[in-house]
Amino acid sequence: MSRVARVTEIVAGSPKSFNDAIKVGFKRACKTLRGITGIRVLEQRISVEDNKIAEYRVRMEIIFVLEA
């Protein structure tokens, strides 16, 4: 059986950790996309305010199979 996948890029953030930012992004993607087969984290960044970490941010690709 042949399959065709699509990749979409999203950015997600969390004040807790990179791991939590990934979970936040994945949870949100699941509300819109069906057939998710994988995630690739492309980049991690930290937002700083007043010399303190304000937010952990991840840029990631969501891979999902297209429906027939």
N, C-alpha and C. Protein backbone atom coordinates (compact mmCIF):
# COMPACT_ATOMS: atom_id res chain seq x y z
N MET A 1 0.84 -1.18 0.00
CA MET A 1 0.00 0.00 0.00
C MET A 1 0.89 1.25 0.00
N SER A 2 0.65 2.13 -0.93
CA SER A 2 1.40 3.38 -1.02
C SER A 2 0.82 4.43 -0.08
N ARG A 3 1.71 5.27 0.42
CA ARG A 3 1.27 6.37 1.28
C ARG A 3 2.00 7.64 0.85
N VAL A 4 1.34 8.75 1.04
CA VAL A 4 1.94 10.05 0.79
C VAL A 4 1.79 10.87 2.07
N ALA A 5 2.90 11.46 2.50
CA ALA A 5 2.88 12.25 3.74
C ALA A 5 3.10 13.72 3.43
N ARG A 6 2.69 14.52 4.35
CA ARG A 6 2.89 15.96 4.26
C ARG A 6 3.60 16.40 5.54
N VAL A 7 4.33 17.49 5.43
CA VAL A 7 5.04 18.05 6.58
C VAL A 7 4.58 19.48 6.78
N THR A 8 4.23 19.82 8.01
CA THR A 8 3.89 21.20 8.34
C THR A 8 4.77 21.63 9.50
N GLU A 9 5.14 22.88 9.53
CA GLU A 9 6.03 23.40 10.56
C GLU A 9 5.25 24.25 11.54
N ILE A 10 5.52 24.06 12.83
CA ILE A 10 4.87 24.86 13.87
C ILE A 10 5.92 25.32 14.89
N VAL A 11 5.56 26.34 15.64
CA VAL A 11 6.38 26.82 16.75
C VAL A 11 5.50 26.76 18.00
N ALA A 12 6.06 26.20 19.07
CA ALA A 12 5.30 26.09 20.32
C ALA A 12 6.18 26.57 21.47
N GLY A 13 5.55 27.03 22.52
CA GLY A 13 6.29 27.54 23.66
C GLY A 13 5.71 27.10 24.98
N SER A 14 6.57 27.11 26.00
CA SER A 14 6.16 26.76 27.36
C SER A 14 7.08 27.47 28.35
N PRO A 15 6.54 27.92 29.47
CA PRO A 15 7.39 28.53 30.49
C PRO A 15 8.14 27.47 31.32
N LYS A 16 7.81 26.18 31.14
CA LYS A 16 8.39 25.11 31.96
C LYS A 16 9.68 24.52 31.40
N SER A 17 9.63 24.03 30.14
CA SER A 17 10.79 23.31 29.58
C SER A 17 10.61 23.10 28.08
N PHE A 18 11.72 22.69 27.43
CA PHE A 18 11.63 22.33 26.02
C PHE A 18 10.71 21.13 25.84
N ASN A 19 10.83 20.16 26.72
CA ASN A 19 9.99 18.96 26.64
C ASN A 19 8.51 19.33 26.72
N ASP A 20 8.18 20.25 27.60
CA ASP A 20 6.78 20.67 27.72
C ASP A 20 6.34 21.44 26.48
N ALA A 21 7.22 22.24 25.89
CA ALA A 21 6.89 22.97 24.67
C ALA A 21 6.57 21.99 23.53
N ILE A 22 7.33 20.90 23.45
CA ILE A 22 7.06 19.87 22.44
C ILE A 22 5.68 19.26 22.67
N LYS A 23 5.37 18.94 23.92
CA LYS A 23 4.07 18.35 24.24
C LYS A 23 2.93 19.32 23.92
N VAL A 24 3.13 20.60 24.21
CA VAL A 24 2.11 21.62 23.91
C VAL A 24 1.86 21.68 22.41
N GLY A 25 2.93 21.70 21.63
CA GLY A 25 2.80 21.76 20.18
C GLY A 25 2.13 20.52 19.61
N PHE A 26 2.52 19.35 20.12
CA PHE A 26 1.94 18.09 19.66
C PHE A 26 0.45 18.03 19.99
N LYS A 27 0.09 18.41 21.21
CA LYS A 27 -1.31 18.38 21.63
C LYS A 27 -2.15 19.30 20.74
N ARG A 28 -1.63 20.47 20.42
CA ARG A 28 -2.37 21.40 19.55
C ARG A 28 -2.47 20.87 18.13
N ALA A 29 -1.39 20.29 17.62
CA ALA A 29 -1.41 19.73 16.26
C ALA A 29 -2.44 18.62 16.15
N CYS A 30 -2.60 17.84 17.20
CA CYS A 30 -3.56 16.72 17.19
C CYS A 30 -5.00 17.21 17.06
N LYS A 31 -5.27 18.45 17.43
CA LYS A 31 -6.63 19.00 17.30
C LYS A 31 -6.98 19.28 15.85
N THR A 32 -5.98 19.52 15.01
CA THR A 32 -6.20 19.93 13.63
C THR A 32 -5.82 18.85 12.61
N LEU A 33 -4.75 18.13 12.88
CA LEU A 33 -4.22 17.18 11.91
C LEU A 33 -4.56 15.75 12.29
N ARG A 34 -4.84 14.93 11.28
CA ARG A 34 -5.10 13.50 11.51
C ARG A 34 -3.97 12.70 10.88
N GLY A 35 -3.69 11.55 11.40
CA GLY A 35 -2.69 10.67 10.82
C GLY A 35 -1.26 11.08 11.07
N ILE A 36 -1.00 11.74 12.21
CA ILE A 36 0.37 12.15 12.54
C ILE A 36 1.23 10.90 12.74
N THR A 37 2.38 10.88 12.06
CA THR A 37 3.28 9.73 12.15
C THR A 37 4.62 10.08 12.78
N GLY A 38 4.91 11.36 12.93
CA GLY A 38 6.20 11.73 13.52
C GLY A 38 6.35 13.22 13.72
N ILE A 39 7.37 13.56 14.51
CA ILE A 39 7.73 14.94 14.80
C ILE A 39 9.24 15.05 14.71
N ARG A 40 9.72 16.14 14.13
CA ARG A 40 11.15 16.40 14.11
C ARG A 40 11.37 17.79 14.68
N VAL A 41 12.11 17.86 15.77
CA VAL A 41 12.43 19.15 16.39
C VAL A 41 13.58 19.76 15.60
N LEU A 42 13.34 20.93 15.03
CA LEU A 42 14.33 21.60 14.20
C LEU A 42 15.19 22.58 14.97
N GLU A 43 14.60 23.19 15.98
CA GLU A 43 15.30 24.27 16.67
C GLU A 43 14.74 24.46 18.07
N GLN A 44 15.61 24.84 18.98
CA GLN A 44 15.20 25.18 20.33
C GLN A 44 15.73 26.57 20.64
N ARG A 45 14.88 27.40 21.19
CA ARG A 45 15.27 28.77 21.57
C ARG A 45 14.70 29.10 22.93
N ILE A 46 15.30 30.08 23.56
CA ILE A 46 14.81 30.54 24.86
C ILE A 46 14.55 32.04 24.78
N SER A 47 13.38 32.43 25.26
CA SER A 47 13.03 33.84 25.36
C SER A 47 13.44 34.33 26.75
N VAL A 48 14.15 35.46 26.79
CA VAL A 48 14.65 35.99 28.06
C VAL A 48 14.02 37.36 28.31
N GLU A 49 13.56 37.57 29.54
CA GLU A 49 13.03 38.86 29.97
C GLU A 49 13.57 39.17 31.35
N ASP A 50 14.10 40.36 31.54
CA ASP A 50 14.65 40.79 32.84
C ASP A 50 15.69 39.80 33.38
N ASN A 51 16.56 39.33 32.48
CA ASN A 51 17.64 38.41 32.85
C ASN A 51 17.14 37.08 33.41
N LYS A 52 15.94 36.69 33.03
CA LYS A 52 15.37 35.41 33.45
C LYS A 52 14.76 34.72 32.24
N ILE A 53 14.76 33.40 32.28
CA ILE A 53 14.12 32.63 31.21
C ILE A 53 12.62 32.83 31.29
N ALA A 54 12.05 33.33 30.20
CA ALA A 54 10.62 33.58 30.17
C ALA A 54 9.86 32.45 29.49
N GLU A 55 10.48 31.88 28.43
CA GLU A 55 9.77 30.84 27.70
C GLU A 55 10.76 29.97 26.92
N TYR A 56 10.48 28.68 26.90
CA TYR A 56 11.22 27.73 26.07
C TYR A 56 10.42 27.55 24.79
N ARG A 57 11.09 27.69 23.64
CA ARG A 57 10.38 27.59 22.36
C ARG A 57 11.02 26.53 21.48
N VAL A 58 10.17 25.81 20.76
CA VAL A 58 10.65 24.81 19.81
C VAL A 58 10.00 25.05 18.45
N ARG A 59 10.79 24.87 17.42
CA ARG A 59 10.27 24.89 16.04
C ARG A 59 10.34 23.45 15.58
N MET A 60 9.22 22.92 15.13
CA MET A 60 9.19 21.50 14.78
C MET A 60 8.35 21.23 13.56
N GLU A 61 8.69 20.13 12.92
CA GLU A 61 7.92 19.64 11.77
C GLU A 61 6.99 18.55 12.26
N ILE A 62 5.75 18.61 11.83
CA ILE A 62 4.77 17.57 12.12
C ILE A 62 4.56 16.81 10.80
N ILE A 63 4.78 15.51 10.83
CA ILE A 63 4.63 14.67 9.64
C ILE A 63 3.32 13.90 9.77
N PHE A 64 2.50 13.96 8.72
CA PHE A 64 1.22 13.23 8.76
C PHE A 64 0.90 12.68 7.38
N VAL A 65 0.17 11.57 7.38
CA VAL A 65 -0.19 10.89 6.14
C VAL A 65 -1.45 11.53 5.58
N LEU A 66 -1.43 11.80 4.27
CA LEU A 66 -2.60 12.36 3.61
C LEU A 66 -3.67 11.30 3.42
N GLU A 67 -4.91 11.70 3.62
CA GLU A 67 -6.02 10.77 3.43
C GLU A 67 -6.33 10.62 1.96
N ALA A 68 -6.87 9.47 1.63
CA ALA A 68 -7.22 9.20 0.21
C ALA A 68 -8.39 10.04 -0.25
